[in-house]
Amino acid sequence: MRGADITQVSLFTVAKLDDFVPVNHPLRAIRKLANTALQRMSALFDTLYADTGRTSIAPEKLMRAQLLQLLYSLRSERMLMEQLGYNLLFRWFVGLAIDDPVWDHSVFSKNRDRLNAQAVAAEFLSEVVRLAEKQGLMSDEHFSVDGTLLQAWASQKSFRPKDDSPDDQEPGPRNAQPDFKGQKRSNDTHASTSDPDARLYRKSHNTGAQLSYMGHVLMEHRSGLVRSAHVSLAGGRSEREAALAKRPSVIACWARCSDSRA
């Protein structure tokens, strides 16, 4: 007997969001670990907000939402909020009920300075690492350090000689293309007017130089977990310097390896 193509809306439902998530879904383990780390950060979150006033979006929900954005490579917070509107898996992970309204994407912009001022993201990673260490998932002898270029939000047009002042620059079309032919530009003589910390750097001789920073990750091999992360100025020795600065135990490991080879 053929079924009718009719959508019947239930007046009441007893289904929970947890019922829609497969038992073996990888986000279950990630959520459990993230919740444990966030619970340990409760005292830190208390210091970020006033005792009176309008109730904010829970910082734990903001952190879980941004974790989803990273895991699923969502390129914008607008897209993240769109997913939270109809994606039951995302709602379950963040901690929203099926009928809870989602917040506006601008909430992230307004809270970013507050969370960054106390290095909340770095503390979250540190808590996750502590939990992994307690479970014996971390080792100082099985690791690798890698870096990647992070393109700065600065235009090549802003990379000007350091002795130039805005008053000395001739007015011209807003989007005029500068002529760099015949000019020798380096980080010693030039700097970006919009992002002075950005450095002109390229990965190889076959690629063009871009205004960039460098991101560094220290990875534990056996468990595949990130042990620490760091952002630095772009440079040829940045990866090694970041590894030694962020993880002193790396020096001890290198010393032991050198002694064993001698």
C-alpha atoms as a PDB file:
ATOM      1  CA  MET A   1       0.000   0.000   0.000  1.00  0.00           C
ATOM      2  CA  ARG A   2       1.405   3.356  -1.048  1.00  0.00           C
ATOM      3  CA  GLY A   3       2.080   5.873   1.708  1.00  0.00           C
ATOM      4  CA  ALA A   4       0.743   9.407   1.452  1.00  0.00           C
ATOM      5  CA  ASP A   5       3.160  12.283   0.958  1.00  0.00           C
ATOM      6  CA  ILE A   6       1.842  14.247   3.928  1.00  0.00           C
ATOM      7  CA  THR A   7       3.835  16.074   6.585  1.00  0.00           C
ATOM      8  CA  GLN A   8       2.172  15.822   9.966  1.00  0.00           C
ATOM      9  CA  VAL A   9       3.474  18.284  12.531  1.00  0.00           C
ATOM     10  CA  SER A  10       3.419  16.873  16.056  1.00  0.00           C
ATOM     11  CA  LEU A  11       1.997  19.028  18.793  1.00  0.00           C
ATOM     12  CA  PHE A  12       4.377  17.505  21.349  1.00  0.00           C
ATOM     13  CA  THR A  13       7.647  15.635  20.969  1.00  0.00           C
ATOM     14  CA  VAL A  14       9.657  13.641  23.476  1.00  0.00           C
ATOM     15  CA  ALA A  15      12.762  13.202  21.302  1.00  0.00           C
ATOM     16  CA  LYS A  16      16.032  14.681  22.591  1.00  0.00           C
ATOM     17  CA  LEU A  17      18.828  16.104  20.475  1.00  0.00           C
ATOM     18  CA  ASP A  18      21.088  13.401  21.858  1.00  0.00           C
ATOM     19  CA  ASP A  19      18.842  10.812  20.153  1.00  0.00           C
ATOM     20  CA  PHE A  20      19.805  12.179  16.723  1.00  0.00           C
ATOM     21  CA  VAL A  21      23.569  11.863  17.265  1.00  0.00           C
ATOM     22  CA  PRO A  22      25.054   8.436  16.425  1.00  0.00           C
ATOM     23  CA  VAL A  23      26.579   6.655  19.390  1.00  0.00           C
ATOM     24  CA  ASN A  24      29.967   6.348  17.664  1.00  0.00           C
ATOM     25  CA  HIS A  25      30.082   9.903  16.293  1.00  0.00           C
ATOM     26  CA  PRO A  26      33.566  11.441  16.918  1.00  0.00           C
ATOM     27  CA  LEU A  27      32.021  14.644  18.274  1.00  0.00           C
ATOM     28  CA  ARG A  28      30.786  12.742  21.329  1.00  0.00           C
ATOM     29  CA  ALA A  29      34.313  12.160  22.601  1.00  0.00           C
ATOM     30  CA  ILE A  30      35.385  15.680  21.641  1.00  0.00           C
ATOM     31  CA  ARG A  31      32.416  17.220  23.455  1.00  0.00           C
ATOM     32  CA  LYS A  32      33.106  15.235  26.608  1.00  0.00           C
ATOM     33  CA  LEU A  33      36.728  16.365  26.664  1.00  0.00           C
ATOM     34  CA  ALA A  34      35.811  19.983  25.834  1.00  0.00           C
ATOM     35  CA  ASN A  35      33.179  20.127  28.568  1.00  0.00           C
ATOM     36  CA  THR A  36      35.640  18.852  31.157  1.00  0.00           C
ATOM     37  CA  ALA A  37      38.186  21.510  30.158  1.00  0.00           C
ATOM     38  CA  LEU A  38      35.550  24.271  30.168  1.00  0.00           C
ATOM     39  CA  GLN A  39      34.325  23.258  33.623  1.00  0.00           C
ATOM     40  CA  ARG A  40      37.859  23.684  34.943  1.00  0.00           C
ATOM     41  CA  MET A  41      37.866  27.216  33.481  1.00  0.00           C
ATOM     42  CA  SER A  42      34.703  28.320  35.288  1.00  0.00           C
ATOM     43  CA  ALA A  43      36.610  30.520  37.763  1.00  0.00           C
ATOM     44  CA  LEU A  44      38.328  32.310  34.864  1.00  0.00           C
ATOM     45  CA  PHE A  45      35.005  32.959  33.150  1.00  0.00           C
ATOM     46  CA  ASP A  46      33.600  34.445  36.372  1.00  0.00           C
ATOM     47  CA  THR A  47      36.250  37.172  36.290  1.00  0.00           C
ATOM     48  CA  LEU A  48      35.277  38.255  32.764  1.00  0.00           C
ATOM     49  CA  TYR A  49      31.709  39.323  33.526  1.00  0.00           C
ATOM     50  CA  ALA A  50      30.013  41.706  35.944  1.00  0.00           C
ATOM     51  CA  ASP A  51      27.783  40.473  38.757  1.00  0.00           C
ATOM     52  CA  THR A  52      24.822  42.568  37.558  1.00  0.00           C
ATOM     53  CA  GLY A  53      23.296  43.477  34.226  1.00  0.00           C
ATOM     54  CA  ARG A  54      21.852  41.588  31.306  1.00  0.00           C
ATOM     55  CA  THR A  55      22.686  37.910  31.125  1.00  0.00           C
ATOM     56  CA  SER A  56      25.259  37.154  28.446  1.00  0.00           C
ATOM     57  CA  ILE A  57      25.602  34.235  26.103  1.00  0.00           C
ATOM     58  CA  ALA A  58      27.434  31.602  28.125  1.00  0.00           C
ATOM     59  CA  PRO A  59      31.149  31.739  27.263  1.00  0.00           C
ATOM     60  CA  GLU A  60      31.200  27.938  27.249  1.00  0.00           C
ATOM     61  CA  LYS A  61      28.716  27.954  24.367  1.00  0.00           C
ATOM     62  CA  LEU A  62      30.801  30.510  22.480  1.00  0.00           C
ATOM     63  CA  MET A  63      33.890  28.349  22.901  1.00  0.00           C
ATOM     64  CA  ARG A  64      32.116  25.171  21.771  1.00  0.00           C
ATOM     65  CA  ALA A  65      30.685  27.013  18.755  1.00  0.00           C
ATOM     66  CA  GLN A  66      34.113  28.292  17.718  1.00  0.00           C
ATOM     67  CA  LEU A  67      35.506  24.789  18.146  1.00  0.00           C
ATOM     68  CA  LEU A  68      32.906  23.577  15.647  1.00  0.00           C
ATOM     69  CA  GLN A  69      33.885  26.367  13.270  1.00  0.00           C
ATOM     70  CA  LEU A  70      37.474  25.109  13.312  1.00  0.00           C
ATOM     71  CA  LEU A  71      36.600  21.413  13.053  1.00  0.00           C
ATOM     72  CA  TYR A  72      34.298  21.931  10.069  1.00  0.00           C
ATOM     73  CA  SER A  73      36.319  24.730   8.399  1.00  0.00           C
ATOM     74  CA  LEU A  74      33.449  27.204   8.359  1.00  0.00           C
ATOM     75  CA  ARG A  75      34.886  30.335   6.797  1.00  0.00           C
ATOM     76  CA  SER A  76      32.749  32.870   8.665  1.00  0.00           C
ATOM     77  CA  GLU A  77      30.745  33.313  11.839  1.00  0.00           C
ATOM     78  CA  ARG A  78      27.697  34.117   9.734  1.00  0.00           C
ATOM     79  CA  MET A  79      27.917  30.631   8.243  1.00  0.00           C
ATOM     80  CA  LEU A  80      28.402  29.168  11.713  1.00  0.00           C
ATOM     81  CA  MET A  81      25.200  30.826  12.933  1.00  0.00           C
ATOM     82  CA  GLU A  82      23.359  29.597   9.841  1.00  0.00           C
ATOM     83  CA  GLN A  83      24.419  26.032  10.661  1.00  0.00           C
ATOM     84  CA  LEU A  84      23.350  26.424  14.279  1.00  0.00           C
ATOM     85  CA  GLY A  85      19.922  27.451  13.041  1.00  0.00           C
ATOM     86  CA  TYR A  86      19.084  24.101  11.431  1.00  0.00           C
ATOM     87  CA  ASN A  87      21.901  21.632  12.135  1.00  0.00           C
ATOM     88  CA  LEU A  88      20.803  19.417  15.025  1.00  0.00           C
ATOM     89  CA  LEU A  89      24.307  18.026  15.481  1.00  0.00           C
ATOM     90  CA  PHE A  90      25.703  21.535  15.943  1.00  0.00           C
ATOM     91  CA  ARG A  91      22.924  22.476  18.359  1.00  0.00           C
ATOM     92  CA  TRP A  92      23.606  19.395  20.455  1.00  0.00           C
ATOM     93  CA  PHE A  93      27.362  20.054  20.567  1.00  0.00           C
ATOM     94  CA  VAL A  94      27.011  23.731  21.543  1.00  0.00           C
ATOM     95  CA  GLY A  95      24.320  23.040  24.142  1.00  0.00           C
ATOM     96  CA  LEU A  96      21.266  24.639  22.527  1.00  0.00           C
ATOM     97  CA  ALA A  97      17.821  23.116  22.871  1.00  0.00           C
ATOM     98  CA  ILE A  98      15.883  22.337  19.710  1.00  0.00           C
ATOM     99  CA  ASP A  99      13.719  25.458  20.163  1.00  0.00           C
ATOM    100  CA  ASP A 100      16.403  27.841  21.487  1.00  0.00           C
ATOM    101  CA  PRO A 101      17.003  30.893  19.278  1.00  0.00           C
ATOM    102  CA  VAL A 102      20.536  31.341  17.966  1.00  0.00           C
ATOM    103  CA  TRP A 103      22.413  34.525  18.750  1.00  0.00           C
ATOM    104  CA  ASP A 104      23.554  37.078  16.198  1.00  0.00           C
ATOM    105  CA  HIS A 105      26.974  36.618  14.620  1.00  0.00           C
ATOM    106  CA  SER A 106      28.080  39.989  16.030  1.00  0.00           C
ATOM    107  CA  VAL A 107      28.147  38.407  19.516  1.00  0.00           C
ATOM    108  CA  PHE A 108      31.515  36.882  18.596  1.00  0.00           C
ATOM    109  CA  SER A 109      32.913  40.272  17.616  1.00  0.00           C
ATOM    110  CA  LYS A 110      31.746  41.853  20.867  1.00  0.00           C
ATOM    111  CA  ASN A 111      33.142  39.053  23.025  1.00  0.00           C
ATOM    112  CA  ARG A 112      36.390  38.466  21.142  1.00  0.00           C
ATOM    113  CA  ASP A 113      38.269  41.277  22.892  1.00  0.00           C
ATOM    114  CA  ARG A 114      37.043  40.112  26.297  1.00  0.00           C
ATOM    115  CA  LEU A 115      38.103  36.519  25.704  1.00  0.00           C
ATOM    116  CA  ASN A 116      41.396  37.408  24.001  1.00  0.00           C
ATOM    117  CA  ALA A 117      42.375  39.788  26.795  1.00  0.00           C
ATOM    118  CA  GLN A 118      42.515  36.847  29.203  1.00  0.00           C
ATOM    119  CA  ALA A 119      43.974  34.403  26.645  1.00  0.00           C
ATOM    120  CA  VAL A 120      40.946  32.144  27.025  1.00  0.00           C
ATOM    121  CA  ALA A 121      41.718  30.122  23.884  1.00  0.00           C
ATOM    122  CA  ALA A 122      45.279  29.450  25.062  1.00  0.00           C
ATOM    123  CA  GLU A 123      44.007  28.429  28.504  1.00  0.00           C
ATOM    124  CA  PHE A 124      41.492  26.080  26.885  1.00  0.00           C
ATOM    125  CA  LEU A 125      44.279  24.350  24.952  1.00  0.00           C
ATOM    126  CA  SER A 126      46.352  24.145  28.135  1.00  0.00           C
ATOM    127  CA  GLU A 127      43.487  22.461  29.984  1.00  0.00           C
ATOM    128  CA  VAL A 128      43.048  19.921  27.198  1.00  0.00           C
ATOM    129  CA  VAL A 129      46.784  19.177  27.309  1.00  0.00           C
ATOM    130  CA  ARG A 130      46.631  18.700  31.096  1.00  0.00           C
ATOM    131  CA  LEU A 131      43.788  16.233  30.715  1.00  0.00           C
ATOM    132  CA  ALA A 132      45.743  14.333  28.056  1.00  0.00           C
ATOM    133  CA  GLU A 133      48.826  14.245  30.286  1.00  0.00           C
ATOM    134  CA  LYS A 134      46.792  12.736  33.130  1.00  0.00           C
ATOM    135  CA  GLN A 135      45.707   9.964  30.767  1.00  0.00           C
ATOM    136  CA  GLY A 136      49.290   9.287  29.708  1.00  0.00           C
ATOM    137  CA  LEU A 137      48.750  10.493  26.143  1.00  0.00           C
ATOM    138  CA  MET A 138      51.650  12.966  26.076  1.00  0.00           C
ATOM    139  CA  SER A 139      55.372  12.374  25.706  1.00  0.00           C
ATOM    140  CA  ASP A 140      58.392  14.700  25.535  1.00  0.00           C
ATOM    141  CA  GLU A 141      60.239  12.285  23.266  1.00  0.00           C
ATOM    142  CA  HIS A 142      57.764  11.789  20.420  1.00  0.00           C
ATOM    143  CA  PHE A 143      56.991  15.142  18.833  1.00  0.00           C
ATOM    144  CA  SER A 144      57.379  17.293  15.763  1.00  0.00           C
ATOM    145  CA  VAL A 145      57.262  21.039  15.186  1.00  0.00           C
ATOM    146  CA  ASP A 146      55.844  22.544  12.040  1.00  0.00           C
ATOM    147  CA  GLY A 147      55.029  26.035  10.883  1.00  0.00           C
ATOM    148  CA  THR A 148      52.816  27.641   8.297  1.00  0.00           C
ATOM    149  CA  LEU A 149      52.497  31.095   6.807  1.00  0.00           C
ATOM    150  CA  LEU A 150      49.517  33.147   7.947  1.00  0.00           C
ATOM    151  CA  GLN A 151      48.752  35.896   5.486  1.00  0.00           C
ATOM    152  CA  ALA A 152      48.354  39.255   7.191  1.00  0.00           C
ATOM    153  CA  TRP A 153      45.363  41.512   6.607  1.00  0.00           C
ATOM    154  CA  ALA A 154      47.577  44.081   4.924  1.00  0.00           C
ATOM    155  CA  SER A 155      47.931  45.083   1.298  1.00  0.00           C
ATOM    156  CA  GLN A 156      51.192  45.144  -0.610  1.00  0.00           C
ATOM    157  CA  LYS A 157      50.410  48.810  -1.254  1.00  0.00           C
ATOM    158  CA  SER A 158      50.870  49.503   2.451  1.00  0.00           C
ATOM    159  CA  PHE A 159      54.470  48.187   2.425  1.00  0.00           C
ATOM    160  CA  ARG A 160      56.371  51.469   2.238  1.00  0.00           C
ATOM    161  CA  PRO A 161      59.793  52.792   3.247  1.00  0.00           C
ATOM    162  CA  LYS A 162      60.025  53.312   6.988  1.00  0.00           C
ATOM    163  CA  ASP A 163      61.206  56.910   6.627  1.00  0.00           C
ATOM    164  CA  ASP A 164      58.090  57.887   4.648  1.00  0.00           C
ATOM    165  CA  SER A 165      55.443  59.837   6.525  1.00  0.00           C
ATOM    166  CA  PRO A 166      51.796  60.167   5.423  1.00  0.00           C
ATOM    167  CA  ASP A 167      52.311  63.876   4.813  1.00  0.00           C
ATOM    168  CA  ASP A 168      55.057  63.163   2.273  1.00  0.00           C
ATOM    169  CA  GLN A 169      52.870  60.904   0.135  1.00  0.00           C
ATOM    170  CA  GLU A 170      51.283  62.452  -2.911  1.00  0.00           C
ATOM    171  CA  PRO A 171      47.515  62.121  -3.157  1.00  0.00           C
ATOM    172  CA  GLY A 172      46.285  59.815  -5.887  1.00  0.00           C
ATOM    173  CA  PRO A 173      43.480  57.448  -6.845  1.00  0.00           C
ATOM    174  CA  ARG A 174      42.228  55.359  -3.956  1.00  0.00           C
ATOM    175  CA  ASN A 175      43.064  52.012  -5.574  1.00  0.00           C
ATOM    176  CA  ALA A 176      46.006  53.082  -7.692  1.00  0.00           C
ATOM    177  CA  GLN A 177      48.456  50.281  -8.457  1.00  0.00           C
ATOM    178  CA  PRO A 178      51.949  51.089  -7.127  1.00  0.00           C
ATOM    179  CA  ASP A 179      54.935  50.464  -9.369  1.00  0.00           C
ATOM    180  CA  PHE A 180      57.511  48.332  -7.536  1.00  0.00           C
ATOM    181  CA  LYS A 181      59.791  47.800 -10.553  1.00  0.00           C
ATOM    182  CA  GLY A 182      63.369  48.637  -9.789  1.00  0.00           C
ATOM    183  CA  GLN A 183      62.695  48.944  -6.075  1.00  0.00           C
ATOM    184  CA  LYS A 184      64.493  46.772  -3.540  1.00  0.00           C
ATOM    185  CA  ARG A 185      62.119  46.101  -0.667  1.00  0.00           C
ATOM    186  CA  SER A 186      63.082  44.359   2.550  1.00  0.00           C
ATOM    187  CA  ASN A 187      61.845  44.159   6.113  1.00  0.00           C
ATOM    188  CA  ASP A 188      64.837  46.222   7.236  1.00  0.00           C
ATOM    189  CA  THR A 189      63.893  49.240   5.134  1.00  0.00           C
ATOM    190  CA  HIS A 190      60.119  48.861   4.647  1.00  0.00           C
ATOM    191  CA  ALA A 191      57.095  48.272   6.854  1.00  0.00           C
ATOM    192  CA  SER A 192      53.354  48.043   6.384  1.00  0.00           C
ATOM    193  CA  THR A 193      51.527  51.219   7.352  1.00  0.00           C
ATOM    194  CA  SER A 194      48.384  49.258   8.303  1.00  0.00           C
ATOM    195  CA  ASP A 195      50.084  46.323  10.082  1.00  0.00           C
ATOM    196  CA  PRO A 196      53.650  47.227  11.126  1.00  0.00           C
ATOM    197  CA  ASP A 197      54.306  43.769  12.657  1.00  0.00           C
ATOM    198  CA  ALA A 198      53.670  41.927   9.373  1.00  0.00           C
ATOM    199  CA  ARG A 199      56.802  40.758   7.561  1.00  0.00           C
ATOM    200  CA  LEU A 200      57.436  40.245   3.855  1.00  0.00           C
ATOM    201  CA  TYR A 201      58.172  36.530   3.537  1.00  0.00           C
ATOM    202  CA  ARG A 202      57.899  33.673   1.045  1.00  0.00           C
ATOM    203  CA  LYS A 203      58.024  29.903   1.437  1.00  0.00           C
ATOM    204  CA  SER A 204      60.362  29.267  -1.506  1.00  0.00           C
ATOM    205  CA  HIS A 205      61.996  30.903  -4.484  1.00  0.00           C
ATOM    206  CA  ASN A 206      59.111  29.726  -6.665  1.00  0.00           C
ATOM    207  CA  THR A 207      56.471  31.633  -4.712  1.00  0.00           C
ATOM    208  CA  GLY A 208      55.823  35.328  -4.319  1.00  0.00           C
ATOM    209  CA  ALA A 209      56.497  37.140  -1.065  1.00  0.00           C
ATOM    210  CA  GLN A 210      53.485  38.096   1.032  1.00  0.00           C
ATOM    211  CA  LEU A 211      53.004  40.126   4.184  1.00  0.00           C
ATOM    212  CA  SER A 212      52.695  37.329   6.711  1.00  0.00           C
ATOM    213  CA  TYR A 213      53.046  35.939  10.188  1.00  0.00           C
ATOM    214  CA  MET A 214      54.049  32.388  11.069  1.00  0.00           C
ATOM    215  CA  GLY A 215      51.942  29.888  12.998  1.00  0.00           C
ATOM    216  CA  HIS A 216      53.693  27.044  14.831  1.00  0.00           C
ATOM    217  CA  VAL A 217      52.299  23.797  16.208  1.00  0.00           C
ATOM    218  CA  LEU A 218      54.020  21.296  18.486  1.00  0.00           C
ATOM    219  CA  MET A 219      52.452  17.877  17.848  1.00  0.00           C
ATOM    220  CA  GLU A 220      52.702  14.722  19.942  1.00  0.00           C
ATOM    221  CA  HIS A 221      53.279  11.829  17.540  1.00  0.00           C
ATOM    222  CA  ARG A 222      51.787   8.830  19.298  1.00  0.00           C
ATOM    223  CA  SER A 223      48.430  10.373  20.179  1.00  0.00           C
ATOM    224  CA  GLY A 224      48.257  12.903  17.332  1.00  0.00           C
ATOM    225  CA  LEU A 225      47.399  15.712  19.755  1.00  0.00           C
ATOM    226  CA  VAL A 226      48.491  19.329  19.542  1.00  0.00           C
ATOM    227  CA  ARG A 227      50.658  20.128  22.534  1.00  0.00           C
ATOM    228  CA  SER A 228      51.093  23.864  22.007  1.00  0.00           C
ATOM    229  CA  ALA A 229      50.491  26.525  19.393  1.00  0.00           C
ATOM    230  CA  HIS A 230      52.213  29.825  18.826  1.00  0.00           C
ATOM    231  CA  VAL A 231      52.163  32.752  16.391  1.00  0.00           C
ATOM    232  CA  SER A 232      55.326  34.737  15.677  1.00  0.00           C
ATOM    233  CA  LEU A 233      56.835  37.187  13.256  1.00  0.00           C
ATOM    234  CA  ALA A 234      57.753  35.605   9.926  1.00  0.00           C
ATOM    235  CA  GLY A 235      61.401  34.667   9.584  1.00  0.00           C
ATOM    236  CA  GLY A 236      63.793  31.901   8.584  1.00  0.00           C
ATOM    237  CA  ARG A 237      64.481  30.786  12.167  1.00  0.00           C
ATOM    238  CA  SER A 238      60.970  31.322  13.524  1.00  0.00           C
ATOM    239  CA  GLU A 239      60.036  27.631  13.719  1.00  0.00           C
ATOM    240  CA  ARG A 240      63.080  26.624  15.761  1.00  0.00           C
ATOM    241  CA  GLU A 241      62.862  29.654  18.037  1.00  0.00           C
ATOM    242  CA  ALA A 242      59.150  29.068  18.649  1.00  0.00           C
ATOM    243  CA  ALA A 243      59.733  25.402  19.511  1.00  0.00           C
ATOM    244  CA  LEU A 244      62.432  26.218  22.047  1.00  0.00           C
ATOM    245  CA  ALA A 245      60.468  29.106  23.549  1.00  0.00           C
ATOM    246  CA  LYS A 246      57.156  27.269  23.900  1.00  0.00           C
ATOM    247  CA  ARG A 247      58.450  23.921  25.127  1.00  0.00           C
ATOM    248  CA  PRO A 248      61.625  23.941  27.261  1.00  0.00           C
ATOM    249  CA  SER A 249      61.365  20.161  27.581  1.00  0.00           C
ATOM    250  CA  VAL A 250      62.236  19.942  23.879  1.00  0.00           C
ATOM    251  CA  ILE A 251      65.725  21.164  24.746  1.00  0.00           C
ATOM    252  CA  ALA A 252      66.104  18.409  27.331  1.00  0.00           C
ATOM    253  CA  CYS A 253      64.959  15.807  24.822  1.00  0.00           C
ATOM    254  CA  TRP A 254      67.422  17.021  22.212  1.00  0.00           C
ATOM    255  CA  ALA A 255      70.177  16.919  24.821  1.00  0.00           C
ATOM    256  CA  ARG A 256      69.343  13.295  25.713  1.00  0.00           C
ATOM    257  CA  CYS A 257      69.263  12.317  22.024  1.00  0.00           C
ATOM    258  CA  SER A 258      72.645  13.987  21.445  1.00  0.00           C
ATOM    259  CA  ASP A 259      74.193  12.223  24.432  1.00  0.00           C
ATOM    260  CA  SER A 260      72.926   8.842  23.245  1.00  0.00           C
ATOM    261  CA  ARG A 261      74.479   9.361  19.808  1.00  0.00           C
ATOM    262  CA  ALA A 262      77.852  10.458  21.182  1.00  0.00           C
END
